[in-house]
Amino acid sequence: MRRLLLAAVLGALMAVPAVALASTNPKEVWVTDCFSSRFQPKLIVISCGDASNYLDKLRWSSWSPTKAAGSGRDHVNSCTPNCAAGHSKSVRVNVTLSQPRRCRGRLHKVFDKAKLQFPGQTGRNSTQMVTLGCPLKQ
């Protein structure tokens, strides 16, 4: 089941060509999703190599050229003893995107940072900062 989900997530990322996602508004700020970027995505893969960490069911409460905020689910694979045999855990997450940056060869800026906050958790595990960066080259 986990392998099927992983294959579906990676297949969905590869299936949509960047041209189909093109927008005529270059002032929009998008989010990197491994090999492409998207505007207000419902899914963001954090770990591009094995998709062992991804956000889904994202709903955006605000979106501007400088910051975006939303909530959804954070899925993390334990990768023990390896990612194919690991167990996935899903928790609620609040996401704040910030620090737009320009990427070479791209029409839109992308949000570079994602702050993940986990409701109900306290201490060091209640917040995580992630660098999203520019889309990877295919």
C-alpha atoms as a PDB file:
ATOM      1  CA  MET A   1       0.000   0.000   0.000  1.00  0.00           C
ATOM      2  CA  ARG A   2       2.809   2.428   0.912  1.00  0.00           C
ATOM      3  CA  ARG A   3       4.668   1.630  -2.298  1.00  0.00           C
ATOM      4  CA  LEU A   4       1.506   2.220  -4.298  1.00  0.00           C
ATOM      5  CA  LEU A   5       0.947   5.595  -2.582  1.00  0.00           C
ATOM      6  CA  LEU A   6       4.580   6.583  -3.168  1.00  0.00           C
ATOM      7  CA  ALA A   7       4.327   5.591  -6.836  1.00  0.00           C
ATOM      8  CA  ALA A   8       1.082   7.549  -7.198  1.00  0.00           C
ATOM      9  CA  VAL A   9       2.587  10.689  -5.629  1.00  0.00           C
ATOM     10  CA  LEU A  10       5.710  10.549  -7.778  1.00  0.00           C
ATOM     11  CA  GLY A  11       3.692   9.702 -10.897  1.00  0.00           C
ATOM     12  CA  ALA A  12       1.411  12.685 -10.350  1.00  0.00           C
ATOM     13  CA  LEU A  13       4.419  14.968 -10.072  1.00  0.00           C
ATOM     14  CA  MET A  14       5.881  13.744 -13.343  1.00  0.00           C
ATOM     15  CA  ALA A  15       2.597  13.604 -15.275  1.00  0.00           C
ATOM     16  CA  VAL A  16       1.792  17.324 -15.341  1.00  0.00           C
ATOM     17  CA  PRO A  17       4.043  19.230 -17.709  1.00  0.00           C
ATOM     18  CA  ALA A  18       5.218  22.678 -16.616  1.00  0.00           C
ATOM     19  CA  VAL A  19       3.638  24.224 -19.711  1.00  0.00           C
ATOM     20  CA  ALA A  20       0.197  23.149 -18.540  1.00  0.00           C
ATOM     21  CA  LEU A  21       0.776  25.028 -15.287  1.00  0.00           C
ATOM     22  CA  ALA A  22       1.843  28.256 -16.966  1.00  0.00           C
ATOM     23  CA  SER A  23       0.176  31.456 -15.826  1.00  0.00           C
ATOM     24  CA  THR A  24      -0.025  34.808 -17.509  1.00  0.00           C
ATOM     25  CA  ASN A  25       0.567  36.657 -14.235  1.00  0.00           C
ATOM     26  CA  PRO A  26       4.314  36.718 -13.488  1.00  0.00           C
ATOM     27  CA  LYS A  27       3.636  38.553 -10.200  1.00  0.00           C
ATOM     28  CA  GLU A  28       2.179  35.385  -8.695  1.00  0.00           C
ATOM     29  CA  VAL A  29       4.520  33.565  -6.329  1.00  0.00           C
ATOM     30  CA  TRP A  30       4.436  29.786  -6.623  1.00  0.00           C
ATOM     31  CA  VAL A  31       5.765  26.838  -4.571  1.00  0.00           C
ATOM     32  CA  THR A  32       8.476  24.419  -5.648  1.00  0.00           C
ATOM     33  CA  ASP A  33       7.335  20.826  -5.839  1.00  0.00           C
ATOM     34  CA  CYS A  34      10.545  18.997  -6.741  1.00  0.00           C
ATOM     35  CA  PHE A  35      10.761  19.331 -10.546  1.00  0.00           C
ATOM     36  CA  SER A  36       8.098  21.986 -11.080  1.00  0.00           C
ATOM     37  CA  SER A  37       6.390  24.850  -9.305  1.00  0.00           C
ATOM     38  CA  ARG A  38       2.701  25.420  -8.688  1.00  0.00           C
ATOM     39  CA  PHE A  39       0.322  28.115  -7.528  1.00  0.00           C
ATOM     40  CA  GLN A  40      -1.646  27.249  -4.370  1.00  0.00           C
ATOM     41  CA  PRO A  41      -0.918  23.504  -4.575  1.00  0.00           C
ATOM     42  CA  LYS A  42      -2.878  20.845  -2.700  1.00  0.00           C
ATOM     43  CA  LEU A  43       0.321  18.737  -2.392  1.00  0.00           C
ATOM     44  CA  ILE A  44       3.956  19.687  -1.704  1.00  0.00           C
ATOM     45  CA  VAL A  45       6.682  17.027  -1.637  1.00  0.00           C
ATOM     46  CA  ILE A  46       9.370  17.992   0.889  1.00  0.00           C
ATOM     47  CA  SER A  47      11.724  15.006   0.349  1.00  0.00           C
ATOM     48  CA  CYS A  48      12.146  14.850  -3.422  1.00  0.00           C
ATOM     49  CA  GLY A  49      14.459  11.832  -3.550  1.00  0.00           C
ATOM     50  CA  ASP A  50      12.070   9.308  -2.003  1.00  0.00           C
ATOM     51  CA  ALA A  51       8.895  11.283  -1.151  1.00  0.00           C
ATOM     52  CA  SER A  52       9.341  10.176   2.472  1.00  0.00           C
ATOM     53  CA  ASN A  53       7.943  13.553   3.612  1.00  0.00           C
ATOM     54  CA  TYR A  54       5.109  15.378   1.892  1.00  0.00           C
ATOM     55  CA  LEU A  55       2.228  17.707   2.714  1.00  0.00           C
ATOM     56  CA  ASP A  56      -1.235  17.102   1.278  1.00  0.00           C
ATOM     57  CA  LYS A  57      -4.873  18.165   1.646  1.00  0.00           C
ATOM     58  CA  LEU A  58      -3.527  21.731   1.698  1.00  0.00           C
ATOM     59  CA  ARG A  59      -6.055  24.543   1.981  1.00  0.00           C
ATOM     60  CA  TRP A  60      -4.765  28.095   1.731  1.00  0.00           C
ATOM     61  CA  SER A  61      -6.339  30.761   3.961  1.00  0.00           C
ATOM     62  CA  SER A  62      -4.173  33.558   2.539  1.00  0.00           C
ATOM     63  CA  TRP A  63      -1.796  34.003  -0.402  1.00  0.00           C
ATOM     64  CA  SER A  64       0.140  37.140  -1.299  1.00  0.00           C
ATOM     65  CA  PRO A  65       3.371  37.950  -3.166  1.00  0.00           C
ATOM     66  CA  THR A  66       5.262  37.884   0.168  1.00  0.00           C
ATOM     67  CA  LYS A  67       3.582  35.215   2.323  1.00  0.00           C
ATOM     68  CA  ALA A  68       1.073  32.374   2.197  1.00  0.00           C
ATOM     69  CA  ALA A  69      -0.662  30.508   5.013  1.00  0.00           C
ATOM     70  CA  GLY A  70      -2.652  27.305   5.052  1.00  0.00           C
ATOM     71  CA  SER A  71      -3.168  23.943   6.706  1.00  0.00           C
ATOM     72  CA  GLY A  72      -3.246  20.286   5.798  1.00  0.00           C
ATOM     73  CA  ARG A  73      -1.556  16.975   6.651  1.00  0.00           C
ATOM     74  CA  ASP A  74       2.155  16.210   6.993  1.00  0.00           C
ATOM     75  CA  HIS A  75       3.107  12.638   6.054  1.00  0.00           C
ATOM     76  CA  VAL A  76       6.474  11.327   7.241  1.00  0.00           C
ATOM     77  CA  ASN A  77       7.888   7.874   6.509  1.00  0.00           C
ATOM     78  CA  SER A  78      10.092   6.454   9.289  1.00  0.00           C
ATOM     79  CA  CYS A  79      12.340   4.869   6.609  1.00  0.00           C
ATOM     80  CA  THR A  80      13.182   2.116   9.110  1.00  0.00           C
ATOM     81  CA  PRO A  81      14.803  -0.205   8.135  1.00  0.00           C
ATOM     82  CA  ASN A  82      14.490   1.568   4.757  1.00  0.00           C
ATOM     83  CA  CYS A  83      11.945   3.876   3.108  1.00  0.00           C
ATOM     84  CA  ALA A  84      10.256   1.076   1.146  1.00  0.00           C
ATOM     85  CA  ALA A  85       9.648  -0.903   4.356  1.00  0.00           C
ATOM     86  CA  GLY A  86       9.118   2.091   6.670  1.00  0.00           C
ATOM     87  CA  HIS A  87       5.860   3.174   8.269  1.00  0.00           C
ATOM     88  CA  SER A  88       4.146   6.450   7.441  1.00  0.00           C
ATOM     89  CA  LYS A  89       2.735   8.774  10.084  1.00  0.00           C
ATOM     90  CA  SER A  90       0.318  11.610   9.289  1.00  0.00           C
ATOM     91  CA  VAL A  91      -0.305  14.662  11.491  1.00  0.00           C
ATOM     92  CA  ARG A  92      -2.109  17.986  11.136  1.00  0.00           C
ATOM     93  CA  VAL A  93       0.114  20.864  10.028  1.00  0.00           C
ATOM     94  CA  ASN A  94      -0.149  24.624   9.649  1.00  0.00           C
ATOM     95  CA  VAL A  95       2.082  25.946   6.852  1.00  0.00           C
ATOM     96  CA  THR A  96       3.491  29.444   6.381  1.00  0.00           C
ATOM     97  CA  LEU A  97       5.412  30.115   3.169  1.00  0.00           C
ATOM     98  CA  SER A  98       7.794  33.085   2.946  1.00  0.00           C
ATOM     99  CA  GLN A  99      10.940  34.563   1.412  1.00  0.00           C
ATOM    100  CA  PRO A 100      10.070  34.619  -2.299  1.00  0.00           C
ATOM    101  CA  ARG A 101      13.060  34.186  -4.597  1.00  0.00           C
ATOM    102  CA  ARG A 102      13.758  34.228  -8.296  1.00  0.00           C
ATOM    103  CA  CYS A 103      14.850  31.006 -10.031  1.00  0.00           C
ATOM    104  CA  ARG A 104      16.850  30.981 -13.245  1.00  0.00           C
ATOM    105  CA  GLY A 105      14.708  30.391 -16.315  1.00  0.00           C
ATOM    106  CA  ARG A 106      11.395  30.690 -14.427  1.00  0.00           C
ATOM    107  CA  LEU A 107       8.652  33.246 -14.988  1.00  0.00           C
ATOM    108  CA  HIS A 108       7.413  33.194 -11.393  1.00  0.00           C
ATOM    109  CA  LYS A 109       9.205  33.650  -8.105  1.00  0.00           C
ATOM    110  CA  VAL A 110       8.873  30.757  -5.655  1.00  0.00           C
ATOM    111  CA  PHE A 111       8.564  30.736  -1.885  1.00  0.00           C
ATOM    112  CA  ASP A 112      11.914  29.591  -0.497  1.00  0.00           C
ATOM    113  CA  LYS A 113      10.965  28.851   3.133  1.00  0.00           C
ATOM    114  CA  ALA A 114       8.168  26.846   4.717  1.00  0.00           C
ATOM    115  CA  LYS A 115       7.454  27.009   8.419  1.00  0.00           C
ATOM    116  CA  LEU A 116       5.585  23.890   9.554  1.00  0.00           C
ATOM    117  CA  GLN A 117       3.727  24.100  12.868  1.00  0.00           C
ATOM    118  CA  PHE A 118       2.150  21.028  14.408  1.00  0.00           C
ATOM    119  CA  PRO A 119      -0.963  21.808  16.504  1.00  0.00           C
ATOM    120  CA  GLY A 120      -1.054  19.990  19.819  1.00  0.00           C
ATOM    121  CA  GLN A 121       2.700  19.407  19.938  1.00  0.00           C
ATOM    122  CA  THR A 122       5.026  21.324  22.227  1.00  0.00           C
ATOM    123  CA  GLY A 123       8.758  21.876  22.491  1.00  0.00           C
ATOM    124  CA  ARG A 124      11.294  21.498  19.699  1.00  0.00           C
ATOM    125  CA  ASN A 125       9.059  19.167  17.701  1.00  0.00           C
ATOM    126  CA  SER A 126       6.211  21.702  17.434  1.00  0.00           C
ATOM    127  CA  THR A 127       7.826  23.724  14.611  1.00  0.00           C
ATOM    128  CA  GLN A 128      10.038  22.838  11.658  1.00  0.00           C
ATOM    129  CA  MET A 129      11.660  25.166   9.084  1.00  0.00           C
ATOM    130  CA  VAL A 130      12.105  23.775   5.567  1.00  0.00           C
ATOM    131  CA  THR A 131      13.960  25.248   2.607  1.00  0.00           C
ATOM    132  CA  LEU A 132      12.052  24.541  -0.597  1.00  0.00           C
ATOM    133  CA  GLY A 133      14.443  26.189  -3.076  1.00  0.00           C
ATOM    134  CA  CYS A 134      14.099  26.243  -6.852  1.00  0.00           C
ATOM    135  CA  PRO A 135      12.749  23.324  -8.907  1.00  0.00           C
ATOM    136  CA  LEU A 136      15.285  20.575  -9.602  1.00  0.00           C
ATOM    137  CA  LYS A 137      16.468  20.076 -13.171  1.00  0.00           C
ATOM    138  CA  GLN A 138      15.007  17.085 -15.001  1.00  0.00           C
END
